[in-house]
Protein backbone atom coordinates (compact mmCIF):
# COMPACT_ATOMS: atom_id res chain seq x y z
CA MET A 1 0.15 0.05 -0.25
CA HIS A 2 2.29 2.58 1.02
CA LEU A 3 4.58 1.36 -2.21
CA ALA A 4 1.70 2.27 -4.46
CA ARG A 5 1.29 5.39 -2.68
CA ILE A 6 4.99 6.64 -3.09
CA LYS A 7 5.15 5.56 -6.76
CA ARG A 8 1.95 7.74 -7.19
CA HIS A 9 2.75 10.65 -5.11
CA GLY A 10 6.64 10.38 -3.97
CA TYR A 11 5.81 10.05 -0.16
CA PRO A 12 4.36 7.48 1.96
CA GLU A 13 1.56 9.26 3.85
CA LEU A 14 -1.86 10.27 2.66
CA LYS A 15 -1.72 14.20 1.37
CA LYS A 16 -3.29 16.33 4.07
CA ASP A 17 -7.03 17.02 3.39
CA ALA A 18 -7.33 14.52 0.61
CA TYR A 19 -10.50 14.16 0.46
CA GLN A 20 -12.16 17.06 2.39
CA SER A 21 -13.75 18.27 -0.85
CA LEU A 22 -15.49 14.90 -1.41
CA GLU A 23 -16.52 14.97 2.37
CA LYS A 24 -17.87 18.55 2.36
CA MET A 25 -20.63 17.85 -0.44
CA PRO A 26 -24.18 17.31 0.64
CA HIS A 27 -24.36 13.47 0.13
CA GLU A 28 -28.18 13.26 0.35
CA PHE A 29 -28.63 15.99 -2.62
CA VAL A 30 -26.02 14.55 -4.58
CA ASP A 31 -27.06 11.02 -4.28
CA GLU A 32 -30.55 11.74 -5.17
CA PHE A 33 -29.44 13.48 -8.13
CA ILE A 34 -27.28 10.76 -9.28
CA LYS A 35 -30.05 8.22 -8.44
CA GLN A 36 -32.50 10.41 -10.68
CA ASN A 37 -30.22 10.98 -13.87
CA CYS A 38 -27.39 8.04 -13.83
CA HIS A 39 -29.98 6.34 -16.93
CA LYS A 40 -29.94 9.53 -18.81
CA MET A 41 -26.75 11.32 -18.15
CA PHE A 42 -23.11 9.88 -18.56
CA ASP A 43 -20.79 10.73 -15.23
CA GLU A 44 -19.16 13.90 -16.84
CA GLU A 45 -22.80 15.68 -17.51
CA ILE A 46 -23.92 15.36 -14.17
CA ALA A 47 -20.76 16.58 -12.52
CA ALA A 48 -21.30 19.61 -14.86
CA LYS A 49 -25.10 19.99 -14.02
CA LEU A 50 -24.35 19.56 -10.02
CA SER A 51 -21.58 22.20 -10.72
CA GLN A 52 -24.32 24.59 -11.78
CA LYS A 53 -26.11 24.10 -9.17
CA GLY A 54 -23.67 25.25 -6.70
CA ILE A 55 -22.16 22.09 -5.46
CA LYS A 56 -18.21 23.07 -5.49
CA GLY A 57 -15.50 20.88 -5.86
CA ILE A 58 -17.68 18.11 -7.77
CA SER A 59 -15.76 16.00 -10.85
CA THR A 60 -16.14 13.40 -12.74
CA TRP A 61 -14.30 11.39 -10.20
CA ASN A 62 -16.87 12.26 -7.15
CA VAL A 63 -19.54 11.46 -9.08
CA LYS A 64 -18.06 7.89 -10.24
CA TYR A 65 -17.26 7.22 -6.80
CA ARG A 66 -20.64 8.09 -5.56
CA ARG A 67 -22.32 6.32 -8.17
CA ARG A 68 -19.94 3.21 -7.12
CA LYS A 69 -21.04 3.65 -3.58
CA LEU A 70 -24.69 3.62 -4.30
CA GLY A 71 -24.44 0.21 -6.26
CA ILE A 72 -25.27 1.87 -9.61
CA LYS A 73 -23.61 0.55 -12.59
CA LYS A 74 -22.61 2.94 -15.27
CA TYR A 75 -25.49 3.05 -17.66
CA SER A 76 -23.10 3.49 -21.12
CA TYR A 77 -21.83 0.11 -20.48
CA GLY A 78 -24.35 -2.40 -18.69
CA GLU A 79 -27.74 -1.28 -20.24
CA ILE A 80 -27.36 -0.20 -24.00
CA GLN A 81 -25.10 -4.16 -23.92
CA LYS A 82 -28.27 -5.71 -22.59
CA HIS A 83 -30.16 -3.88 -25.17
CA LYS A 84 -27.63 -5.13 -28.04
CA ALA A 85 -28.19 -8.39 -27.28
CA TRP A 86 -32.39 -7.89 -27.06
CA VAL A 87 -32.12 -6.36 -30.25
CA ARG A 88 -29.87 -9.19 -31.96
CA LEU A 89 -32.15 -11.81 -30.66
CA GLN A 90 -35.19 -9.85 -32.08
CA ALA A 91 -33.67 -10.34 -35.62
CA ILE A 92 -33.04 -13.90 -35.02
CA LYS A 93 -36.21 -14.83 -34.02
CA LYS A 94 -38.00 -12.66 -37.21
CA TYR A 95 -35.77 -13.76 -39.65
CA GLY A 96 -34.42 -17.13 -38.66
CA ASN A 97 -31.20 -18.56 -37.47
CA LYS A 98 -29.55 -19.06 -40.69
CA CYS A 99 -28.16 -17.03 -43.41
CA GLU A 100 -30.42 -15.00 -45.05
CA LEU A 101 -28.58 -14.89 -48.36
CA CYS A 102 -26.98 -18.45 -48.52
CA GLY A 103 -28.77 -20.32 -46.10
CA TYR A 104 -25.44 -21.34 -44.14
CA GLU A 105 -26.64 -22.40 -40.18
CA LEU A 106 -23.43 -23.37 -38.22
CA SER A 107 -22.50 -19.92 -37.45
CA ILE A 108 -24.49 -16.46 -38.24
CA ASP A 109 -23.60 -12.88 -37.81
CA ILE A 110 -25.81 -9.82 -37.44
CA HIS A 111 -25.74 -7.04 -40.11
CA HIS A 112 -26.67 -3.83 -40.03
CA ILE A 113 -28.40 -3.06 -43.71
CA LYS A 114 -27.65 0.73 -43.10
CA PRO A 115 -24.82 1.12 -40.69
CA LYS A 116 -25.13 3.17 -37.77
CA SER A 117 -22.38 5.17 -38.90
CA GLU A 118 -24.62 6.49 -41.48
CA GLY A 119 -27.56 6.99 -39.16
CA GLY A 120 -28.81 3.58 -39.67
CA ALA A 121 -31.38 2.26 -36.76
CA HIS A 122 -30.27 -0.52 -34.26
CA ASP A 123 -33.32 -2.24 -34.37
CA ALA A 124 -34.63 -5.43 -36.05
CA LYS A 125 -35.82 -3.68 -39.26
CA ASN A 126 -32.62 -2.56 -39.87
CA LEU A 127 -30.39 -5.88 -39.01
CA MET A 128 -30.09 -8.81 -41.49
CA VAL A 129 -29.22 -12.38 -39.92
CA VAL A 130 -25.91 -13.74 -42.22
CA CYS A 131 -23.29 -16.10 -42.11
CA PRO A 132 -19.41 -14.71 -41.50
CA ASN A 133 -18.69 -15.49 -45.30
CA CYS A 134 -21.38 -13.32 -46.41
CA HIS A 135 -20.95 -11.05 -43.86
CA SER A 136 -17.41 -10.14 -44.97
CA LEU A 137 -18.37 -9.94 -48.80
CA ILE A 138 -20.85 -7.34 -47.74
CA THR A 139 -18.49 -5.31 -45.55
CA ARG A 140 -15.80 -5.29 -48.26
CA LYS A 141 -18.35 -4.00 -50.71
CA ILE A 142 -18.16 -7.06 -52.91
CA LEU A 143 -21.93 -7.62 -52.34
CA TRP A 144 -24.02 -4.46 -52.42
CA LEU A 145 -27.17 -4.11 -50.23
CA GLY A 146 -28.91 -1.02 -49.81
CA CYS A 147 -32.08 -2.25 -48.32
CA ARG A 148 -34.04 -5.84 -47.46
CA LYS A 149 -35.27 -5.30 -50.79
CA ASP A 150 -32.17 -6.07 -52.59
CA ILE A 151 -31.79 -9.95 -50.62
CA PRO A 152 -33.42 -11.62 -53.16
CA ARG A 153 -31.38 -10.27 -55.69
CA ILE A 154 -28.32 -11.00 -53.97
CA ARG A 155 -29.21 -14.47 -52.97
CA LYS A 156 -30.06 -15.35 -56.68
CA GLU A 157 -26.25 -13.78 -57.32
CA ILE A 158 -24.82 -16.15 -55.02
CA LYS A 159 -26.99 -19.36 -55.94
CA LEU A 160 -25.60 -18.69 -59.78
CA HIS A 161 -21.61 -17.73 -58.85
CA LEU A 162 -21.83 -21.29 -56.60
CA LYS A 163 -24.07 -23.05 -59.76
CA ASN A 164 -21.32 -21.95 -61.94
CA ASN A 165 -17.85 -22.47 -60.00
CA GLN A 166 -18.86 -25.93 -58.83
CA PRO A 167 -16.04 -28.32 -58.64
CA ASN A 168 -16.13 -31.04 -61.19
CA PHE A 169 -15.25 -34.74 -59.53
CA GLY A 170 -16.04 -36.58 -62.50
């Protein structure tokens, strides 16, 4: 413990009045504010709002510390990950558990038809179930997919390509 403190600060004892600003905060108000807003705002935004409300010495570190003491998980990690898994399952239930393009069943991926970087939504309507091979072809823009209506056209292209390029074992 002391060695770690020496590495951090250069001396073994605690800083004088190190946590004074944290202890002077009105915990009831701060805790209630964090409980109400932790699922709507990030820690940085909560710290900024609290400083606007007149709480002196508040920082992102203080908010994170109080949130952990209250047992509240960080919204940006826990809830969004659950949501991603839920939306993925909805797409698999809606479109089946095999590749929509080639019919491969052993391994499946979920592909955003309109990428999130271009404003595509993260919901089942914008997702399609594909195998890793088709997913890489779409991602590398070898197969072009603009909307769900293009799936039958691409399916025909893949079947035609597979039919023409089958090895001859005669």
